[in-house]
N, C-alpha and C. Protein backbone atom coordinates (compact mmCIF):
# COMPACT_ATOMS: atom_id res chain seq x y z
N UNK A 1 35.40 -16.67 -17.81
CA UNK A 1 35.17 -15.19 -17.44
C UNK A 1 34.10 -14.61 -18.33
N UNK A 2 34.42 -15.04 -19.44
CA UNK A 2 33.34 -14.53 -20.56
C UNK A 2 31.83 -14.89 -20.16
N UNK A 3 31.74 -16.01 -19.74
CA UNK A 3 30.42 -16.67 -19.51
C UNK A 3 29.94 -15.78 -18.02
N UNK A 4 30.72 -15.22 -17.25
CA UNK A 4 30.20 -14.39 -16.21
C UNK A 4 29.77 -13.03 -16.52
N UNK A 5 30.55 -12.54 -17.46
CA UNK A 5 30.27 -11.09 -18.28
C UNK A 5 29.07 -11.06 -18.82
N UNK A 6 28.71 -12.29 -19.54
CA UNK A 6 27.57 -12.51 -20.30
C UNK A 6 26.49 -12.41 -19.29
N UNK A 7 26.34 -13.19 -18.42
CA UNK A 7 25.50 -13.45 -17.31
C UNK A 7 25.10 -12.04 -16.59
N UNK A 8 26.30 -11.16 -16.25
CA UNK A 8 25.94 -9.90 -15.74
C UNK A 8 25.21 -9.17 -16.65
N UNK A 9 25.69 -8.93 -17.89
CA UNK A 9 25.00 -8.27 -19.03
C UNK A 9 23.64 -8.51 -19.21
N UNK A 10 23.24 -9.83 -19.15
CA UNK A 10 22.00 -10.14 -19.30
C UNK A 10 21.18 -9.77 -18.03
N UNK A 11 21.64 -9.87 -16.79
CA UNK A 11 21.00 -9.54 -15.54
C UNK A 11 20.80 -8.14 -15.55
N UNK A 12 21.64 -7.23 -15.96
CA UNK A 12 21.52 -5.93 -16.03
C UNK A 12 20.17 -5.39 -17.05
N UNK A 13 20.19 -6.11 -18.05
CA UNK A 13 19.29 -5.81 -19.18
C UNK A 13 17.89 -6.14 -18.81
N UNK A 14 17.71 -7.23 -17.99
CA UNK A 14 16.62 -7.61 -17.61
C UNK A 14 15.74 -6.61 -16.84
N UNK A 15 14.42 -6.58 -17.08
CA UNK A 15 13.48 -5.60 -16.24
C UNK A 15 12.59 -6.01 -15.36
N UNK A 16 12.99 -7.31 -15.04
CA UNK A 16 12.09 -7.95 -13.94
C UNK A 16 12.34 -7.53 -12.62
N UNK A 17 13.58 -6.97 -11.99
CA UNK A 17 13.88 -6.09 -11.01
C UNK A 17 13.32 -4.89 -10.73
N UNK A 18 13.47 -4.04 -11.67
CA UNK A 18 12.63 -2.83 -11.61
C UNK A 18 11.09 -2.88 -11.45
N UNK A 19 10.59 -3.76 -12.41
CA UNK A 19 9.15 -4.09 -12.14
C UNK A 19 8.80 -4.63 -10.83
N UNK A 20 9.48 -5.41 -10.26
CA UNK A 20 9.08 -5.94 -9.03
C UNK A 20 9.03 -4.55 -7.95
N UNK A 21 10.19 -3.99 -7.99
CA UNK A 21 10.30 -2.67 -7.29
C UNK A 21 9.11 -1.77 -7.33
N UNK A 22 8.73 -1.48 -8.44
CA UNK A 22 7.53 -0.63 -8.88
C UNK A 22 6.28 -1.13 -8.25
N UNK A 23 6.07 -2.77 -8.44
CA UNK A 23 4.83 -3.03 -7.98
C UNK A 23 4.89 -2.99 -6.30
N UNK A 24 6.14 -3.22 -5.76
CA UNK A 24 6.19 -3.16 -4.20
C UNK A 24 5.75 -1.64 -3.77
N UNK A 25 6.40 -0.63 -4.39
CA UNK A 25 6.00 0.63 -4.17
C UNK A 25 4.51 1.05 -4.28
N UNK A 26 3.96 0.63 -5.34
CA UNK A 26 2.55 0.61 -5.70
C UNK A 26 1.69 -0.02 -4.37
N UNK A 27 1.98 -1.12 -4.13
CA UNK A 27 1.38 -1.94 -3.08
C UNK A 27 1.54 -1.08 -1.74
N UNK A 28 2.63 -0.69 -1.24
CA UNK A 28 2.72 0.21 -0.25
C UNK A 28 1.88 1.43 -0.23
N UNK A 29 1.98 2.19 -1.31
CA UNK A 29 1.04 3.31 -1.25
C UNK A 29 -0.44 2.96 -1.28
N UNK A 30 -0.84 1.89 -1.65
CA UNK A 30 -2.23 1.39 -1.64
C UNK A 30 -2.58 1.09 -0.21
N UNK A 31 -1.74 0.51 0.53
CA UNK A 31 -1.78 0.13 1.95
C UNK A 31 -2.10 1.33 2.78
N UNK A 32 -0.99 2.27 2.54
CA UNK A 32 -1.17 3.57 3.18
C UNK A 32 -2.53 4.31 3.01
N UNK A 33 -2.98 4.35 1.69
CA UNK A 33 -4.35 4.97 1.50
C UNK A 33 -5.36 4.18 2.02
N UNK A 34 -5.21 2.85 2.13
CA UNK A 34 -6.32 2.16 2.85
C UNK A 34 -6.45 2.27 4.20
N UNK A 35 -5.37 2.28 4.99
CA UNK A 35 -5.07 2.49 6.39
C UNK A 35 -5.94 3.87 6.69
N UNK A 36 -5.33 4.95 5.89
CA UNK A 36 -5.91 6.44 6.08
C UNK A 36 -7.48 6.42 5.81
N UNK A 37 -7.87 5.73 4.83
CA UNK A 37 -9.48 5.77 4.79
C UNK A 37 -10.34 4.97 5.75
N UNK A 38 -9.87 3.92 6.16
CA UNK A 38 -10.24 3.15 7.17
C UNK A 38 -10.39 3.80 8.46
N UNK A 39 -9.36 4.59 8.85
CA UNK A 39 -9.09 5.42 9.99
C UNK A 39 -10.02 6.58 10.10
N UNK A 40 -10.27 7.26 8.74
CA UNK A 40 -11.23 8.41 8.82
C UNK A 40 -12.62 7.72 8.96
N UNK A 41 -13.04 6.62 8.28
CA UNK A 41 -14.33 6.26 8.21
C UNK A 41 -14.56 5.71 9.80
N UNK A 42 -13.54 5.28 10.46
CA UNK A 42 -13.84 4.70 11.75
C UNK A 42 -14.11 5.80 12.76
N UNK A 43 -13.43 6.92 12.60
CA UNK A 43 -13.61 8.18 13.20
C UNK A 43 -15.14 8.74 12.94
N UNK A 44 -15.36 8.95 11.85
CA UNK A 44 -16.74 9.33 11.34
C UNK A 44 -17.88 8.43 11.93
N UNK A 45 -17.75 7.13 11.84
CA UNK A 45 -18.64 6.25 12.32
C UNK A 45 -18.64 6.30 13.80
N UNK A 46 -17.90 6.53 14.56
CA UNK A 46 -17.62 6.58 15.88
C UNK A 46 -18.53 7.72 16.49
N UNK A 47 -18.28 8.88 15.85
CA UNK A 47 -18.99 10.26 16.06
C UNK A 47 -20.51 9.80 15.81
N UNK A 48 -20.64 9.31 14.71
CA UNK A 48 -22.19 9.16 14.42
C UNK A 48 -22.77 8.07 15.47
N UNK A 49 -22.16 7.10 15.85
CA UNK A 49 -22.69 6.16 17.02
C UNK A 49 -22.98 7.00 18.24
N UNK A 50 -22.02 7.84 18.58
CA UNK A 50 -22.07 8.50 19.83
C UNK A 50 -23.17 9.63 19.79
N UNK A 51 -23.33 10.20 18.83
CA UNK A 51 -24.58 11.14 18.64
C UNK A 51 -25.99 10.31 18.54
N UNK A 52 -25.95 9.24 18.04
CA UNK A 52 -27.21 8.39 18.00
C UNK A 52 -27.40 7.84 19.57
N UNK A 53 -26.26 7.57 20.24
CA UNK A 53 -26.30 6.87 21.60
C UNK A 53 -26.96 7.95 22.50
N UNK A 54 -26.60 9.20 22.44
CA UNK A 54 -26.78 10.49 23.07
C UNK A 54 -28.16 10.71 22.81
N UNK A 55 -28.56 10.82 21.73
CA UNK A 55 -30.02 11.04 21.47
C UNK A 55 -31.07 9.90 22.01
N UNK A 56 -30.47 8.71 21.92
CA UNK A 56 -31.45 7.53 22.56
C UNK A 56 -31.62 7.58 23.77
N UNK A 57 -30.41 8.06 24.73
CA UNK A 57 -30.53 7.95 26.08
C UNK A 57 -31.39 9.27 26.47
N UNK A 58 -31.76 10.23 25.90
CA UNK A 58 -32.25 11.51 26.27
C UNK A 58 -33.62 11.03 26.15
């Protein structure tokens, strides 16, 4: 029983779990920002190409 208690205490004291969670949250935020940036750039590029295409057709 004492061995199990020692393992449990050492597991709680370790900081590997919270560190992994922090990295996962940071990665999720980075992915969200990248998707938003790509979406905004795609819309701007589409508008620009549409204007150029309209100008060329005239």
